[in-house]
C-alpha atoms as a PDB file:
ATOM      1  CA  GLN A   1      27.290 -51.355 -35.651  1.00  0.00           C
ATOM      2  CA  VAL A   2      26.115 -47.756 -35.451  1.00  0.00           C
ATOM      3  CA  GLN A   3      22.765 -46.705 -34.057  1.00  0.00           C
ATOM      4  CA  LEU A   4      21.258 -43.248 -34.417  1.00  0.00           C
ATOM      5  CA  VAL A   5      18.774 -41.725 -32.015  1.00  0.00           C
ATOM      6  CA  GLU A   6      16.955 -38.523 -32.909  1.00  0.00           C
ATOM      7  CA  SER A   7      15.112 -36.168 -30.624  1.00  0.00           C
ATOM      8  CA  GLY A   8      13.673 -32.666 -30.583  1.00  0.00           C
ATOM      9  CA  GLY A   9      10.675 -32.933 -32.866  1.00  0.00           C
ATOM     10  CA  GLY A  10       7.276 -31.607 -31.933  1.00  0.00           C
ATOM     11  CA  LEU A  11       4.446 -29.252 -32.753  1.00  0.00           C
ATOM     12  CA  VAL A  12       5.172 -25.582 -33.414  1.00  0.00           C
ATOM     13  CA  GLN A  13       3.331 -22.667 -34.947  1.00  0.00           C
ATOM     14  CA  THR A  14       4.296 -21.029 -38.218  1.00  0.00           C
ATOM     15  CA  GLY A  15       7.352 -18.881 -37.677  1.00  0.00           C
ATOM     16  CA  GLY A  16       8.517 -20.878 -34.703  1.00  0.00           C
ATOM     17  CA  SER A  17      11.726 -22.794 -34.129  1.00  0.00           C
ATOM     18  CA  LEU A  18      12.803 -26.305 -33.260  1.00  0.00           C
ATOM     19  CA  ARG A  19      16.167 -27.923 -32.722  1.00  0.00           C
ATOM     20  CA  LEU A  20      16.643 -31.553 -33.696  1.00  0.00           C
ATOM     21  CA  SER A  21      19.414 -33.688 -32.258  1.00  0.00           C
ATOM     22  CA  CYS A  22      20.883 -36.946 -33.467  1.00  0.00           C
ATOM     23  CA  ALA A  23      23.369 -39.047 -31.528  1.00  0.00           C
ATOM     24  CA  ALA A  24      25.399 -41.896 -32.995  1.00  0.00           C
ATOM     25  CA  SER A  25      26.348 -44.745 -30.699  1.00  0.00           C
ATOM     26  CA  GLY A  26      27.762 -48.227 -30.961  1.00  0.00           C
ATOM     27  CA  ILE A  27      30.862 -49.078 -32.945  1.00  0.00           C
ATOM     28  CA  VAL A  28      31.487 -45.699 -34.491  1.00  0.00           C
ATOM     29  CA  VAL A  29      34.360 -45.375 -36.906  1.00  0.00           C
ATOM     30  CA  ARG A  30      35.320 -42.217 -38.699  1.00  0.00           C
ATOM     31  CA  ILE A  31      32.181 -40.497 -39.959  1.00  0.00           C
ATOM     32  CA  ASN A  32      32.448 -38.369 -43.063  1.00  0.00           C
ATOM     33  CA  ASP A  33      29.013 -36.999 -43.891  1.00  0.00           C
ATOM     34  CA  MET A  34      26.132 -36.439 -41.512  1.00  0.00           C
ATOM     35  CA  GLY A  35      22.831 -34.933 -42.430  1.00  0.00           C
ATOM     36  CA  TRP A  36      19.084 -34.863 -42.508  1.00  0.00           C
ATOM     37  CA  TYR A  37      16.347 -35.971 -44.830  1.00  0.00           C
ATOM     38  CA  ARG A  38      12.614 -35.533 -44.381  1.00  0.00           C
ATOM     39  CA  GLN A  39       9.475 -37.228 -45.588  1.00  0.00           C
ATOM     40  CA  ALA A  40       6.114 -35.526 -45.690  1.00  0.00           C
ATOM     41  CA  PRO A  41       2.858 -37.509 -45.850  1.00  0.00           C
ATOM     42  CA  GLY A  42       2.288 -38.899 -49.314  1.00  0.00           C
ATOM     43  CA  LYS A  43       5.664 -37.671 -50.580  1.00  0.00           C
ATOM     44  CA  GLN A  44       9.056 -39.180 -51.200  1.00  0.00           C
ATOM     45  CA  ARG A  45      11.886 -38.711 -48.769  1.00  0.00           C
ATOM     46  CA  GLU A  46      13.838 -35.585 -49.680  1.00  0.00           C
ATOM     47  CA  TRP A  47      17.292 -34.370 -48.828  1.00  0.00           C
ATOM     48  CA  VAL A  48      17.444 -31.397 -46.467  1.00  0.00           C
ATOM     49  CA  THR A  49      21.060 -30.769 -45.540  1.00  0.00           C
ATOM     50  CA  THR A  50      24.497 -32.345 -45.206  1.00  0.00           C
ATOM     51  CA  ILE A  51      27.566 -31.446 -43.203  1.00  0.00           C
ATOM     52  CA  ARG A  52      30.955 -32.903 -44.016  1.00  0.00           C
ATOM     53  CA  ARG A  53      33.518 -33.784 -41.403  1.00  0.00           C
ATOM     54  CA  SER A  54      35.381 -30.621 -42.380  1.00  0.00           C
ATOM     55  CA  GLY A  55      32.338 -28.552 -41.520  1.00  0.00           C
ATOM     56  CA  VAL A  56      31.324 -27.746 -45.078  1.00  0.00           C
ATOM     57  CA  THR A  57      27.551 -27.560 -45.318  1.00  0.00           C
ATOM     58  CA  ASN A  58      24.961 -27.777 -48.059  1.00  0.00           C
ATOM     59  CA  TYR A  59      21.259 -27.057 -47.896  1.00  0.00           C
ATOM     60  CA  ALA A  60      18.215 -27.651 -50.030  1.00  0.00           C
ATOM     61  CA  ASP A  61      16.929 -24.409 -51.514  1.00  0.00           C
ATOM     62  CA  SER A  62      13.676 -24.817 -49.603  1.00  0.00           C
ATOM     63  CA  VAL A  63      15.437 -24.482 -46.230  1.00  0.00           C
ATOM     64  CA  LYS A  64      18.424 -22.306 -47.060  1.00  0.00           C
ATOM     65  CA  GLY A  65      18.636 -19.320 -44.744  1.00  0.00           C
ATOM     66  CA  ARG A  66      16.227 -20.863 -42.230  1.00  0.00           C
ATOM     67  CA  PHE A  67      17.898 -24.117 -41.176  1.00  0.00           C
ATOM     68  CA  THR A  68      21.390 -24.570 -39.781  1.00  0.00           C
ATOM     69  CA  ILE A  69      23.198 -27.883 -39.410  1.00  0.00           C
ATOM     70  CA  SER A  70      26.065 -28.424 -36.997  1.00  0.00           C
ATOM     71  CA  ARG A  71      27.994 -31.398 -35.644  1.00  0.00           C
ATOM     72  CA  ASP A  72      30.342 -32.576 -32.945  1.00  0.00           C
ATOM     73  CA  ASN A  73      32.972 -34.931 -34.337  1.00  0.00           C
ATOM     74  CA  ILE A  74      34.183 -35.995 -30.900  1.00  0.00           C
ATOM     75  CA  ASN A  75      30.800 -37.060 -29.585  1.00  0.00           C
ATOM     76  CA  ASN A  76      29.363 -38.074 -32.971  1.00  0.00           C
ATOM     77  CA  MET A  77      26.358 -35.821 -32.810  1.00  0.00           C
ATOM     78  CA  VAL A  78      24.564 -33.686 -35.350  1.00  0.00           C
ATOM     79  CA  TRP A  79      21.962 -30.968 -34.824  1.00  0.00           C
ATOM     80  CA  LEU A  80      19.473 -29.193 -37.026  1.00  0.00           C
ATOM     81  CA  GLN A  81      18.354 -25.756 -35.927  1.00  0.00           C
ATOM     82  CA  MET A  82      15.133 -24.898 -37.734  1.00  0.00           C
ATOM     83  CA  ASN A  83      13.892 -21.314 -37.671  1.00  0.00           C
ATOM     84  CA  SER A  84      11.030 -19.522 -39.407  1.00  0.00           C
ATOM     85  CA  LEU A  85       9.226 -22.812 -39.773  1.00  0.00           C
ATOM     86  CA  LYS A  86       6.465 -23.130 -42.358  1.00  0.00           C
ATOM     87  CA  PRO A  87       3.600 -25.632 -42.655  1.00  0.00           C
ATOM     88  CA  GLU A  88       5.396 -27.178 -45.639  1.00  0.00           C
ATOM     89  CA  ASP A  89       8.240 -28.142 -43.311  1.00  0.00           C
ATOM     90  CA  THR A  90       5.890 -30.649 -41.664  1.00  0.00           C
ATOM     91  CA  ALA A  91       7.469 -34.082 -42.056  1.00  0.00           C
ATOM     92  CA  VAL A  92       9.272 -36.896 -40.336  1.00  0.00           C
ATOM     93  CA  TYR A  93      12.937 -35.912 -40.145  1.00  0.00           C
ATOM     94  CA  TYR A  94      15.629 -38.576 -40.396  1.00  0.00           C
ATOM     95  CA  CYS A  95      19.299 -38.165 -39.641  1.00  0.00           C
ATOM     96  CA  HIS A  96      21.960 -40.279 -41.303  1.00  0.00           C
ATOM     97  CA  VAL A  97      25.666 -40.935 -41.207  1.00  0.00           C
ATOM     98  CA  ASP A  98      27.425 -41.454 -44.511  1.00  0.00           C
ATOM     99  CA  TYR A  99      24.054 -42.173 -46.162  1.00  0.00           C
ATOM    100  CA  ARG A 100      24.222 -45.717 -44.788  1.00  0.00           C
ATOM    101  CA  THR A 101      22.844 -45.623 -41.262  1.00  0.00           C
ATOM    102  CA  TRP A 102      19.543 -43.926 -40.479  1.00  0.00           C
ATOM    103  CA  GLY A 103      17.691 -42.876 -37.398  1.00  0.00           C
ATOM    104  CA  GLN A 104      14.122 -43.851 -36.614  1.00  0.00           C
ATOM    105  CA  GLY A 105      12.793 -40.403 -37.452  1.00  0.00           C
ATOM    106  CA  THR A 106      11.273 -37.601 -35.437  1.00  0.00           C
ATOM    107  CA  GLN A 107       8.013 -35.880 -36.294  1.00  0.00           C
ATOM    108  CA  VAL A 108       7.955 -32.149 -36.932  1.00  0.00           C
ATOM    109  CA  THR A 109       4.548 -30.538 -37.313  1.00  0.00           C
ATOM    110  CA  VAL A 110       4.116 -26.864 -38.142  1.00  0.00           C
ATOM    111  CA  SER A 111       0.621 -25.483 -37.689  1.00  0.00           C
ATOM    112  CA  SER A 112      -0.678 -22.585 -39.744  1.00  0.00           C
END
């Protein structure tokens, strides 16, 4: 069974940066997709970005050019570098593996 642990959230001012980390542990078999979703207060969870095992990445239009996803296939980790943060990026960020296993979430708050 796979567990995911996220870290790196926090409070930052508009224009600032944060780097989220997510580590998969337990019985980890070959992971194809890893990625991040987020959920803002009063809103549905929304897709942010995905990275395939090959390294191919996709981003939501709202974060394209500001966020960068990366992963380590050996150590089963995924990161989300978030730059030029905006107040609308405020949310709980969740990592996943293969859209089946989810982390507990880490809060990102961007102050205006």
